[in-house]
């Protein structure tokens, strides 16, 4: 009888240990899966970050090119303004003064009449 009782006690302890090991194994599997999911999520985030960094670099390069182009056009505009001013000054220095022009206009009218 004592042996039966001891055998039942050993069986009960064995069953409890087996269940406990199974629970622990399930918990370990669950944690491994969570870790795997988190690692995959981290890899995805790293890829997205690299992609966004690449986009930012492309935008920065485009911005720099546009600034250069704007600066080049501004320089061209300033050169055109300077050339126009110089041309105007040259024209005004070579042209007949307004008063002289009006006098010639009046003489022409006088001779026509």
PDB file of N, CA and C in Angstrom:
ATOM      1  N   UNK A   1       0.842  -1.189   0.000  1.00  0.00           N
ATOM      2  CA  UNK A   1       0.000   0.000   0.000  1.00  0.00           C
ATOM      3  C   UNK A   1       0.885   1.250   0.000  1.00  0.00           C
ATOM      4  N   UNK A   2       1.888   1.225   0.816  1.00  0.00           N
ATOM      5  CA  UNK A   2       2.808   2.361   0.888  1.00  0.00           C
ATOM      6  C   UNK A   2       3.500   2.559  -0.456  1.00  0.00           C
ATOM      7  N   UNK A   3       3.821   1.435  -1.111  1.00  0.00           N
ATOM      8  CA  UNK A   3       4.463   1.506  -2.416  1.00  0.00           C
ATOM      9  C   UNK A   3       3.506   2.111  -3.448  1.00  0.00           C
ATOM     10  N   UNK A   4       2.236   1.735  -3.397  1.00  0.00           N
ATOM     11  CA  UNK A   4       1.229   2.285  -4.314  1.00  0.00           C
ATOM     12  C   UNK A   4       1.110   3.808  -4.112  1.00  0.00           C
ATOM     13  N   UNK A   5       1.076   4.164  -2.857  1.00  0.00           N
ATOM     14  CA  UNK A   5       0.966   5.586  -2.541  1.00  0.00           C
ATOM     15  C   UNK A   5       2.186   6.358  -3.068  1.00  0.00           C
ATOM     16  N   UNK A   6       3.356   5.773  -2.868  1.00  0.00           N
ATOM     17  CA  UNK A   6       4.572   6.408  -3.353  1.00  0.00           C
ATOM     18  C   UNK A   6       4.596   6.467  -4.896  1.00  0.00           C
ATOM     19  N   UNK A   7       4.125   5.381  -5.528  1.00  0.00           N
ATOM     20  CA  UNK A   7       4.079   5.351  -6.986  1.00  0.00           C
ATOM     21  C   UNK A   7       3.120   6.422  -7.510  1.00  0.00           C
ATOM     22  N   UNK A   8       1.938   6.549  -6.885  1.00  0.00           N
ATOM     23  CA  UNK A   8       0.983   7.580  -7.290  1.00  0.00           C
ATOM     24  C   UNK A   8       1.585   8.968  -7.086  1.00  0.00           C
ATOM     25  N   UNK A   9       2.275   9.158  -5.968  1.00  0.00           N
ATOM     26  CA  UNK A   9       2.910  10.444  -5.687  1.00  0.00           C
ATOM     27  C   UNK A   9       3.986  10.762  -6.736  1.00  0.00           C
ATOM     28  N   UNK A  10       4.800   9.757  -7.087  1.00  0.00           N
ATOM     29  CA  UNK A  10       5.827   9.924  -8.114  1.00  0.00           C
ATOM     30  C   UNK A  10       5.177  10.220  -9.452  1.00  0.00           C
ATOM     31  N   UNK A  11       4.090   9.496  -9.779  1.00  0.00           N
ATOM     32  CA  UNK A  11       3.367   9.740 -11.039  1.00  0.00           C
ATOM     33  C   UNK A  11       2.790  11.149 -11.068  1.00  0.00           C
ATOM     34  N   UNK A  12       2.224  11.559  -9.951  1.00  0.00           N
ATOM     35  CA  UNK A  12       1.638  12.903  -9.865  1.00  0.00           C
ATOM     36  C   UNK A  12       2.735  13.969 -10.043  1.00  0.00           C
ATOM     37  N   UNK A  13       3.862  13.782  -9.363  1.00  0.00           N
ATOM     38  CA  UNK A  13       4.980  14.723  -9.485  1.00  0.00           C
ATOM     39  C   UNK A  13       5.505  14.711 -10.915  1.00  0.00           C
ATOM     40  N   UNK A  14       5.607  13.526 -11.486  1.00  0.00           N
ATOM     41  CA  UNK A  14       6.076  13.401 -12.870  1.00  0.00           C
ATOM     42  C   UNK A  14       5.121  14.119 -13.820  1.00  0.00           C
ATOM     43  N   UNK A  15       3.833  13.952 -13.630  1.00  0.00           N
ATOM     44  CA  UNK A  15       2.822  14.613 -14.467  1.00  0.00           C
ATOM     45  C   UNK A  15       2.929  16.132 -14.319  1.00  0.00           C
ATOM     46  N   UNK A  16       3.046  16.592 -13.069  1.00  0.00           N
ATOM     47  CA  UNK A  16       3.166  18.033 -12.843  1.00  0.00           C
ATOM     48  C   UNK A  16       4.439  18.593 -13.486  1.00  0.00           C
ATOM     49  N   UNK A  17       5.533  17.856 -13.346  1.00  0.00           N
ATOM     50  CA  UNK A  17       6.779  18.299 -13.962  1.00  0.00           C
ATOM     51  C   UNK A  17       6.675  18.322 -15.487  1.00  0.00           C
ATOM     52  N   UNK A  18       6.030  17.323 -16.035  1.00  0.00           N
ATOM     53  CA  UNK A  18       5.835  17.259 -17.496  1.00  0.00           C
ATOM     54  C   UNK A  18       5.004  18.447 -17.964  1.00  0.00           C
ATOM     55  N   UNK A  19       3.921  18.736 -17.237  1.00  0.00           N
ATOM     56  CA  UNK A  19       3.076  19.881 -17.593  1.00  0.00           C
ATOM     57  C   UNK A  19       3.850  21.187 -17.464  1.00  0.00           C
ATOM     58  N   UNK A  20       4.632  21.279 -16.398  1.00  0.00           N
ATOM     59  CA  UNK A  20       5.419  22.491 -16.179  1.00  0.00           C
ATOM     60  C   UNK A  20       6.464  22.667 -17.278  1.00  0.00           C
ATOM     61  N   UNK A  21       7.123  21.565 -17.659  1.00  0.00           N
ATOM     62  CA  UNK A  21       8.095  21.631 -18.751  1.00  0.00           C
ATOM     63  C   UNK A  21       7.420  22.043 -20.052  1.00  0.00           C
ATOM     64  N   UNK A  22       6.221  21.493 -20.295  1.00  0.00           N
ATOM     65  CA  UNK A  22       5.482  21.841 -21.514  1.00  0.00           C
ATOM     66  C   UNK A  22       5.115  23.328 -21.499  1.00  0.00           C
ATOM     67  N   UNK A  23       4.639  23.824 -20.370  1.00  0.00           N
ATOM     68  CA  UNK A  23       4.299  25.245 -20.256  1.00  0.00           C
ATOM     69  C   UNK A  23       5.535  26.110 -20.500  1.00  0.00           C
ATOM     70  N   UNK A  24       6.665  25.697 -19.905  1.00  0.00           N
ATOM     71  CA  UNK A  24       7.901  26.452 -20.102  1.00  0.00           C
ATOM     72  C   UNK A  24       8.354  26.403 -21.560  1.00  0.00           C
ATOM     73  N   UNK A  25       8.226  25.238 -22.170  1.00  0.00           N
ATOM     74  CA  UNK A  25       8.603  25.097 -23.582  1.00  0.00           C
ATOM     75  C   UNK A  25       7.692  25.976 -24.449  1.00  0.00           C
ATOM     76  N   UNK A  26       6.396  25.987 -24.139  1.00  0.00           N
ATOM     77  CA  UNK A  26       5.461  26.843 -24.877  1.00  0.00           C
ATOM     78  C   UNK A  26       5.828  28.317 -24.704  1.00  0.00           C
ATOM     79  N   UNK A  27       6.180  28.672 -23.463  1.00  0.00           N
ATOM     80  CA  UNK A  27       6.553  30.049 -23.171  1.00  0.00           C
ATOM     81  C   UNK A  27       7.826  30.429 -23.926  1.00  0.00           C
ATOM     82  N   UNK A  28       8.806  29.505 -23.952  1.00  0.00           N
ATOM     83  CA  UNK A  28      10.050  29.750 -24.688  1.00  0.00           C
ATOM     84  C   UNK A  28       9.741  29.912 -26.174  1.00  0.00           C
ATOM     85  N   UNK A  29       8.891  29.041 -26.735  1.00  0.00           N
ATOM     86  CA  UNK A  29       8.512  29.154 -28.147  1.00  0.00           C
ATOM     87  C   UNK A  29       7.827  30.498 -28.423  1.00  0.00           C
ATOM     88  N   UNK A  30       6.940  30.879 -27.522  1.00  0.00           N
ATOM     89  CA  UNK A  30       6.226  32.155 -27.681  1.00  0.00           C
ATOM     90  C   UNK A  30       7.221  33.321 -27.661  1.00  0.00           C
ATOM     91  N   UNK A  31       8.159  33.289 -26.715  1.00  0.00           N
ATOM     92  CA  UNK A  31       9.156  34.356 -26.641  1.00  0.00           C
ATOM     93  C   UNK A  31      10.066  34.359 -27.866  1.00  0.00           C
ATOM     94  N   UNK A  32      10.428  33.177 -28.350  1.00  0.00           N
ATOM     95  CA  UNK A  32      11.259  33.100 -29.565  1.00  0.00           C
ATOM     96  C   UNK A  32      10.520  33.706 -30.756  1.00  0.00           C
ATOM     97  N   UNK A  33       9.223  33.397 -30.864  1.00  0.00           N
ATOM     98  CA  UNK A  33       8.425  33.935 -31.976  1.00  0.00           C
ATOM     99  C   UNK A  33       8.311  35.465 -31.858  1.00  0.00           C
ATOM    100  N   UNK A  34       8.077  35.940 -30.636  1.00  0.00           N
ATOM    101  CA  UNK A  34       8.010  37.390 -30.431  1.00  0.00           C
ATOM    102  C   UNK A  34       9.339  38.044 -30.797  1.00  0.00           C
ATOM    103  N   UNK A  35      10.442  37.427 -30.394  1.00  0.00           N
ATOM    104  CA  UNK A  35      11.768  37.954 -30.704  1.00  0.00           C
ATOM    105  C   UNK A  35      11.982  37.964 -32.216  1.00  0.00           C
ATOM    106  N   UNK A  36      11.602  36.887 -32.868  1.00  0.00           N
ATOM    107  CA  UNK A  36      11.738  36.807 -34.321  1.00  0.00           C
ATOM    108  C   UNK A  36      10.902  37.900 -35.002  1.00  0.00           C
ATOM    109  N   UNK A  37       9.667  38.087 -34.522  1.00  0.00           N
ATOM    110  CA  UNK A  37       8.802  39.128 -35.089  1.00  0.00           C
ATOM    111  C   UNK A  37       9.414  40.514 -34.894  1.00  0.00           C
ATOM    112  N   UNK A  38       9.965  40.742 -33.701  1.00  0.00           N
ATOM    113  CA  UNK A  38      10.584  42.043 -33.419  1.00  0.00           C
ATOM    114  C   UNK A  38      11.827  42.266 -34.276  1.00  0.00           C
ATOM    115  N   UNK A  39      12.625  41.208 -34.474  1.00  0.00           N
ATOM    116  CA  UNK A  39      13.814  41.339 -35.331  1.00  0.00           C
ATOM    117  C   UNK A  39      13.410  41.654 -36.768  1.00  0.00           C
ATOM    118  N   UNK A  40      12.355  40.988 -37.235  1.00  0.00           N
ATOM    119  CA  UNK A  40      11.876  41.252 -38.595  1.00  0.00           C
ATOM    120  C   UNK A  40      11.363  42.689 -38.705  1.00  0.00           C
ATOM    121  N   UNK A  41      10.649  43.133 -37.707  1.00  0.00           N
ATOM    122  CA  UNK A  41      10.132  44.510 -37.705  1.00  0.00           C
ATOM    123  C   UNK A  41      11.295  45.501 -37.704  1.00  0.00           C
ATOM    124  N   UNK A  42      12.334  45.210 -36.909  1.00  0.00           N
ATOM    125  CA  UNK A  42      13.515  46.070 -36.858  1.00  0.00           C
ATOM    126  C   UNK A  42      14.202  46.129 -38.224  1.00  0.00           C
ATOM    127  N   UNK A  43      14.362  44.969 -38.879  1.00  0.00           N
ATOM    128  CA  UNK A  43      14.983  44.948 -40.214  1.00  0.00           C
ATOM    129  C   UNK A  43      14.161  45.786 -41.196  1.00  0.00           C
ATOM    130  N   UNK A  44      12.841  45.639 -41.124  1.00  0.00           N
ATOM    131  CA  UNK A  44      11.965  46.414 -42.015  1.00  0.00           C
ATOM    132  C   UNK A  44      12.131  47.911 -41.750  1.00  0.00           C
ATOM    133  N   UNK A  45      12.179  48.294 -40.484  1.00  0.00           N
ATOM    134  CA  UNK A  45      12.335  49.705 -40.133  1.00  0.00           C
ATOM    135  C   UNK A  45      13.688  50.239 -40.602  1.00  0.00           C
ATOM    136  N   UNK A  46      14.737  49.414 -40.490  1.00  0.00           N
ATOM    137  CA  UNK A  46      16.063  49.834 -40.948  1.00  0.00           C
ATOM    138  C   UNK A  46      16.067  50.051 -42.457  1.00  0.00           C
ATOM    139  N   UNK A  47      15.399  49.156 -43.181  1.00  0.00           N
ATOM    140  CA  UNK A  47      15.303  49.298 -44.643  1.00  0.00           C
ATOM    141  C   UNK A  47      14.551  50.578 -44.996  1.00  0.00           C
ATOM    142  N   UNK A  48      13.438  50.814 -44.306  1.00  0.00           N
ATOM    143  CA  UNK A  48      12.664  52.033 -44.553  1.00  0.00           C
ATOM    144  C   UNK A  48      13.490  53.273 -44.241  1.00  0.00           C
ATOM    145  N   UNK A  49      14.254  53.225 -43.161  1.00  0.00           N
ATOM    146  CA  UNK A  49      15.085  54.370 -42.778  1.00  0.00           C
ATOM    147  C   UNK A  49      16.132  54.645 -43.852  1.00  0.00           C
ATOM    148  N   UNK A  50      16.792  53.581 -44.346  1.00  0.00           N
ATOM    149  CA  UNK A  50      17.790  53.762 -45.410  1.00  0.00           C
ATOM    150  C   UNK A  50      17.138  54.356 -46.656  1.00  0.00           C
ATOM    151  N   UNK A  51      15.944  53.861 -46.965  1.00  0.00           N
ATOM    152  CA  UNK A  51      15.225  54.368 -48.130  1.00  0.00           C
ATOM    153  C   UNK A  51      14.904  55.856 -47.959  1.00  0.00           C
ATOM    154  N   UNK A  52      14.431  56.224 -46.771  1.00  0.00           N
ATOM    155  CA  UNK A  52      14.099  57.629 -46.530  1.00  0.00           C
ATOM    156  C   UNK A  52      15.355  58.495 -46.547  1.00  0.00           C
ATOM    157  N   UNK A  53      16.463  57.968 -46.018  1.00  0.00           N
ATOM    158  CA  UNK A  53      17.719  58.720 -46.069  1.00  0.00           C
ATOM    159  C   UNK A  53      18.119  58.960 -47.522  1.00  0.00           C
ATOM    160  N   UNK A  54      17.927  57.929 -48.348  1.00  0.00           N
ATOM    161  CA  UNK A  54      18.233  58.072 -49.775  1.00  0.00           C
ATOM    162  C   UNK A  54      17.354  59.135 -50.422  1.00  0.00           C
ATOM    163  N   UNK A  55      16.066  59.128 -50.078  1.00  0.00           N
ATOM    164  CA  UNK A  55      15.147  60.137 -50.618  1.00  0.00           C
ATOM    165  C   UNK A  55      15.577  61.534 -50.176  1.00  0.00           C
ATOM    166  N   UNK A  56      15.957  61.659 -48.902  1.00  0.00           N
ATOM    167  CA  UNK A  56      16.390  62.959 -48.388  1.00  0.00           C
ATOM    168  C   UNK A  56      17.629  63.426 -49.135  1.00  0.00           C
ATOM    169  N   UNK A  57      18.583  62.511 -49.347  1.00  0.00           N
ATOM    170  CA  UNK A  57      19.797  62.884 -50.075  1.00  0.00           C
ATOM    171  C   UNK A  57      19.460  63.334 -51.494  1.00  0.00           C
ATOM    172  N   UNK A  58      18.540  62.612 -52.148  1.00  0.00           N
ATOM    173  CA  UNK A  58      18.129  63.003 -53.503  1.00  0.00           C
ATOM    174  C   UNK A  58      17.489  64.386 -53.493  1.00  0.00           C
ATOM    175  N   UNK A  59      16.634  64.643 -52.488  1.00  0.00           N
ATOM    176  CA  UNK A  59      15.988  65.950 -52.403  1.00  0.00           C
ATOM    177  C   UNK A  59      17.010  67.047 -52.130  1.00  0.00           C
ATOM    178  N   UNK A  60      17.986  66.751 -51.280  1.00  0.00           N
ATOM    179  CA  UNK A  60      19.031  67.742 -51.009  1.00  0.00           C
ATOM    180  C   UNK A  60      19.837  68.042 -52.263  1.00  0.00           C
ATOM    181  N   UNK A  61      20.155  67.001 -53.043  1.00  0.00           N
ATOM    182  CA  UNK A  61      20.902  67.202 -54.290  1.00  0.00           C
ATOM    183  C   UNK A  61      20.076  68.026 -55.280  1.00  0.00           C
ATOM    184  N   UNK A  62      18.787  67.706 -55.381  1.00  0.00           N
ATOM    185  CA  UNK A  62      17.904  68.456 -56.276  1.00  0.00           C
ATOM    186  C   UNK A  62      17.823  69.911 -55.840  1.00  0.00           C
ATOM    187  N   UNK A  63      17.696  70.126 -54.543  1.00  0.00           N
ATOM    188  CA  UNK A  63      17.639  71.487 -54.000  1.00  0.00           C
ATOM    189  C   UNK A  63      18.915  72.250 -54.339  1.00  0.00           C
ATOM    190  N   UNK A  64      20.051  71.611 -54.168  1.00  0.00           N
ATOM    191  CA  UNK A  64      21.334  72.260 -54.467  1.00  0.00           C
ATOM    192  C   UNK A  64      21.419  72.615 -55.955  1.00  0.00           C
ATOM    193  N   UNK A  65      20.976  71.692 -56.815  1.00  0.00           N
ATOM    194  CA  UNK A  65      20.992  71.973 -58.265  1.00  0.00           C
ATOM    195  C   UNK A  65      20.066  73.142 -58.593  1.00  0.00           C
ATOM    196  N   UNK A  66      18.885  73.157 -57.970  1.00  0.00           N
ATOM    197  CA  UNK A  66      17.943  74.248 -58.234  1.00  0.00           C
ATOM    198  C   UNK A  66      18.497  75.589 -57.745  1.00  0.00           C
ATOM    199  N   UNK A  67      19.177  75.572 -56.602  1.00  0.00           N
ATOM    200  CA  UNK A  67      19.782  76.809 -56.105  1.00  0.00           C
ATOM    201  C   UNK A  67      20.862  77.294 -57.064  1.00  0.00           C
ATOM    202  N   UNK A  68      21.677  76.354 -57.573  1.00  0.00           N
ATOM    203  CA  UNK A  68      22.713  76.729 -58.538  1.00  0.00           C
ATOM    204  C   UNK A  68      22.088  77.329 -59.794  1.00  0.00           C
ATOM    205  N   UNK A  69      21.028  76.688 -60.273  1.00  0.00           N
ATOM    206  CA  UNK A  69      20.344  77.161 -61.481  1.00  0.00           C
ATOM    207  C   UNK A  69      19.749  78.548 -61.242  1.00  0.00           C
ATOM    208  N   UNK A  70      19.133  78.749 -60.073  1.00  0.00           N
ATOM    209  CA  UNK A  70      18.551  80.056 -59.744  1.00  0.00           C
ATOM    210  C   UNK A  70      19.648  81.110 -59.676  1.00  0.00           C
ATOM    211  N   UNK A  71      20.777  80.766 -59.090  1.00  0.00           N
ATOM    212  CA  UNK A  71      21.899  81.697 -58.987  1.00  0.00           C
ATOM    213  C   UNK A  71      22.434  82.032 -60.383  1.00  0.00           C
ATOM    214  N   UNK A  72      22.553  81.002 -61.215  1.00  0.00           N
ATOM    215  CA  UNK A  72      23.042  81.213 -62.591  1.00  0.00           C
ATOM    216  C   UNK A  72      22.093  82.138 -63.354  1.00  0.00           C
ATOM    217  N   UNK A  73      20.790  81.899 -63.199  1.00  0.00           N
ATOM    218  CA  UNK A  73      19.808  82.736 -63.900  1.00  0.00           C
ATOM    219  C   UNK A  73      19.823  84.168 -63.357  1.00  0.00           C
ATOM    220  N   UNK A  74      19.987  84.303 -62.047  1.00  0.00           N
ATOM    221  CA  UNK A  74      20.075  85.638 -61.454  1.00  0.00           C
ATOM    222  C   UNK A  74      21.298  86.379 -62.008  1.00  0.00           C
ATOM    223  N   UNK A  75      22.425  85.660 -62.121  1.00  0.00           N
ATOM    224  CA  UNK A  75      23.623  86.271 -62.708  1.00  0.00           C
ATOM    225  C   UNK A  75      23.362  86.710 -64.148  1.00  0.00           C
ATOM    226  N   UNK A  76      22.709  85.838 -64.919  1.00  0.00           N
ATOM    227  CA  UNK A  76      22.389  86.175 -66.310  1.00  0.00           C
ATOM    228  C   UNK A  76      21.470  87.394 -66.366  1.00  0.00           C
ATOM    229  N   UNK A  77      20.500  87.439 -65.462  1.00  0.00           N
ATOM    230  CA  UNK A  77      19.563  88.561 -65.408  1.00  0.00           C
ATOM    231  C   UNK A  77      20.315  89.860 -65.098  1.00  0.00           C
ATOM    232  N   UNK A  78      21.226  89.799 -64.119  1.00  0.00           N
ATOM    233  CA  UNK A  78      22.018  90.987 -63.764  1.00  0.00           C
ATOM    234  C   UNK A  78      22.887  91.434 -64.944  1.00  0.00           C
ATOM    235  N   UNK A  79      23.473  90.477 -65.645  1.00  0.00           N
ATOM    236  CA  UNK A  79      24.299  90.814 -66.802  1.00  0.00           C
ATOM    237  C   UNK A  79      23.454  91.474 -67.889  1.00  0.00           C
ATOM    238  N   UNK A  80      22.239  90.935 -68.096  1.00  0.00           N
ATOM    239  CA  UNK A  80      21.350  91.509 -69.108  1.00  0.00           C
ATOM    240  C   UNK A  80      20.938  92.924 -68.713  1.00  0.00           C
ATOM    241  N   UNK A  81      20.649  93.130 -67.423  1.00  0.00           N
ATOM    242  CA  UNK A  81      20.293  94.472 -66.961  1.00  0.00           C
ATOM    243  C   UNK A  81      21.456  95.443 -67.157  1.00  0.00           C
ATOM    244  N   UNK A  82      22.675  94.993 -66.832  1.00  0.00           N
ATOM    245  CA  UNK A  82      23.850  95.849 -66.997  1.00  0.00           C
ATOM    246  C   UNK A  82      24.083  96.181 -68.473  1.00  0.00           C
ATOM    247  N   UNK A  83      23.900  95.172 -69.313  1.00  0.00           N
ATOM    248  CA  UNK A  83      24.082  95.393 -70.757  1.00  0.00           C
ATOM    249  C   UNK A  83      23.027  96.376 -71.271  1.00  0.00           C
ATOM    250  N   UNK A  84      21.788  96.227 -70.808  1.00  0.00           N
ATOM    251  CA  UNK A  84      20.727  97.134 -71.238  1.00  0.00           C
ATOM    252  C   UNK A  84      21.013  98.553 -70.755  1.00  0.00           C
ATOM    253  N   UNK A  85      21.466  98.679 -69.520  1.00  0.00           N
ATOM    254  CA  UNK A  85      21.802 100.004 -68.971  1.00  0.00           C
ATOM    255  C   UNK A  85      22.941 100.636 -69.767  1.00  0.00           C
ATOM    256  N   UNK A  86      23.972  99.842 -70.059  1.00  0.00           N
ATOM    257  CA  UNK A  86      25.107 100.355 -70.829  1.00  0.00           C
ATOM    258  C   UNK A  86      24.660 100.761 -72.227  1.00  0.00           C
ATOM    259  N   UNK A  87      23.811  99.948 -72.820  1.00  0.00           N
ATOM    260  CA  UNK A  87      23.306 100.250 -74.155  1.00  0.00           C
ATOM    261  C   UNK A  87      22.486 101.534 -74.131  1.00  0.00           C
ATOM    262  N   UNK A  88      21.689 101.710 -73.118  1.00  0.00           N
ATOM    263  CA  UNK A  88      20.856 102.917 -72.992  1.00  0.00           C
ATOM    264  C   UNK A  88      21.744 104.138 -72.816  1.00  0.00           C
ATOM    265  N   UNK A  89      22.742 103.999 -71.938  1.00  0.00           N
ATOM    266  CA  UNK A  89      23.656 105.123 -71.711  1.00  0.00           C
ATOM    267  C   UNK A  89      24.401 105.482 -72.994  1.00  0.00           C
ATOM    268  N   UNK A  90      24.812 104.452 -73.734  1.00  0.00           N
ATOM    269  CA  UNK A  90      25.515 104.704 -74.999  1.00  0.00           C
ATOM    270  C   UNK A  90      24.583 105.395 -75.985  1.00  0.00           C
ATOM    271  N   UNK A  91      23.346 104.927 -76.060  1.00  0.00           N
ATOM    272  CA  UNK A  91      22.367 105.525 -76.972  1.00  0.00           C
ATOM    273  C   UNK A  91      22.103 106.981 -76.601  1.00  0.00           C
ATOM    274  N   UNK A  92      21.911 107.209 -75.294  1.00  0.00           N
ATOM    275  CA  UNK A  92      21.614 108.570 -74.856  1.00  0.00           C
ATOM    276  C   UNK A  92      22.798 109.506 -75.092  1.00  0.00           C
ATOM    277  N   UNK A  93      24.022 108.982 -74.951  1.00  0.00           N
ATOM    278  CA  UNK A  93      25.192 109.859 -75.162  1.00  0.00           C
ATOM    279  C   UNK A  93      25.398 110.152 -76.641  1.00  0.00           C
ATOM    280  N   UNK A  94      24.921 109.269 -77.520  1.00  0.00           N
ATOM    281  CA  UNK A  94      25.128 109.467 -78.954  1.00  0.00           C
ATOM    282  C   UNK A  94      23.922 110.114 -79.626  1.00  0.00           C
ATOM    283  N   UNK A  95      22.779 110.126 -78.962  1.00  0.00           N
ATOM    284  CA  UNK A  95      21.575 110.618 -79.630  1.00  0.00           C
ATOM    285  C   UNK A  95      21.507 112.135 -79.586  1.00  0.00           C
ATOM    286  N   UNK A  96      20.707 112.649 -80.482  1.00  0.00           N
ATOM    287  CA  UNK A  96      20.512 114.087 -80.577  1.00  0.00           C
ATOM    288  C   UNK A  96      19.733 114.540 -79.339  1.00  0.00           C
ATOM    289  N   UNK A  97      20.197 115.560 -78.649  1.00  0.00           N
ATOM    290  CA  UNK A  97      19.437 116.031 -77.492  1.00  0.00           C
ATOM    291  C   UNK A  97      18.012 116.420 -77.884  1.00  0.00           C
ATOM    292  N   UNK A  98      17.112 116.316 -76.977  1.00  0.00           N
ATOM    293  CA  UNK A  98      15.678 116.547 -77.239  1.00  0.00           C
ATOM    294  C   UNK A  98      15.420 117.977 -77.763  1.00  0.00           C
ATOM    295  N   UNK A  99      16.070 118.907 -77.144  1.00  0.00           N
ATOM    296  CA  UNK A  99      15.842 120.310 -77.569  1.00  0.00           C
ATOM    297  C   UNK A  99      16.260 120.500 -79.020  1.00  0.00           C
ATOM    298  N   UNK A 100      17.430 119.964 -79.374  1.00  0.00           N
ATOM    299  CA  UNK A 100      17.928 120.086 -80.747  1.00  0.00           C
ATOM    300  C   UNK A 100      16.965 119.385 -81.707  1.00  0.00           C
ATOM    301  N   UNK A 101      16.448 118.267 -81.300  1.00  0.00           N
ATOM    302  CA  UNK A 101      15.494 117.521 -82.125  1.00  0.00           C
ATOM    303  C   UNK A 101      14.250 118.367 -82.375  1.00  0.00           C
ATOM    304  N   UNK A 102      13.744 119.004 -81.318  1.00  0.00           N
ATOM    305  CA  UNK A 102      12.541 119.831 -81.479  1.00  0.00           C
ATOM    306  C   UNK A 102      12.805 121.020 -82.399  1.00  0.00           C
ATOM    307  N   UNK A 103      13.998 121.603 -82.295  1.00  0.00           N
ATOM    308  CA  UNK A 103      14.352 122.721 -83.171  1.00  0.00           C
ATOM    309  C   UNK A 103      14.365 122.271 -84.627  1.00  0.00           C
ATOM    310  N   UNK A 104      14.943 121.099 -84.853  1.00  0.00           N
ATOM    311  CA  UNK A 104      14.967 120.577 -86.222  1.00  0.00           C
ATOM    312  C   UNK A 104      13.548 120.293 -86.730  1.00  0.00           C
ATOM    313  N   UNK A 105      12.711 119.786 -85.861  1.00  0.00           N
ATOM    314  CA  UNK A 105      11.316 119.516 -86.193  1.00  0.00           C
ATOM    315  C   UNK A 105      10.622 120.827 -86.596  1.00  0.00           C
ATOM    316  N   UNK A 106      10.851 121.880 -85.810  1.00  0.00           N
ATOM    317  CA  UNK A 106      10.215 123.184 -86.086  1.00  0.00           C
ATOM    318  C   UNK A 106      10.707 123.752 -87.413  1.00  0.00           C
ATOM    319  N   UNK A 107      12.016 123.676 -87.681  1.00  0.00           N
ATOM    320  CA  UNK A 107      12.557 124.170 -88.949  1.00  0.00           C
ATOM    321  C   UNK A 107      11.949 123.422 -90.127  1.00  0.00           C
ATOM    322  N   UNK A 108      11.775 122.115 -89.940  1.00  0.00           N
ATOM    323  CA  UNK A 108      11.196 121.316 -90.999  1.00  0.00           C
ATOM    324  C   UNK A 108       9.767 121.756 -91.283  1.00  0.00           C
ATOM    325  N   UNK A 109       9.016 122.030 -90.264  1.00  0.00           N
ATOM    326  CA  UNK A 109       7.625 122.495 -90.424  1.00  0.00           C
ATOM    327  C   UNK A 109       7.616 123.852 -91.133  1.00  0.00           C
ATOM    328  N   UNK A 110       8.548 124.724 -90.706  1.00  0.00           N
ATOM    329  CA  UNK A 110       8.609 126.056 -91.274  1.00  0.00           C
ATOM    330  C   UNK A 110       8.916 126.005 -92.780  1.00  0.00           C
ATOM    331  N   UNK A 111       9.815 125.106 -93.132  1.00  0.00           N
ATOM    332  CA  UNK A 111      10.175 125.019 -94.547  1.00  0.00           C
ATOM    333  C   UNK A 111       9.056 124.396 -95.366  1.00  0.00           C
ATOM    334  N   UNK A 112       8.288 123.553 -94.752  1.00  0.00           N
ATOM    335  CA  UNK A 112       7.170 122.915 -95.470  1.00  0.00           C
ATOM    336  C   UNK A 112       6.040 123.912 -95.714  1.00  0.00           C
ATOM    337  N   UNK A 113       5.879 124.874 -94.860  1.00  0.00           N
ATOM    338  CA  UNK A 113       4.769 125.811 -95.023  1.00  0.00           C
ATOM    339  C   UNK A 113       5.190 127.058 -95.737  1.00  0.00           C
TER     340      UNK A 113
END
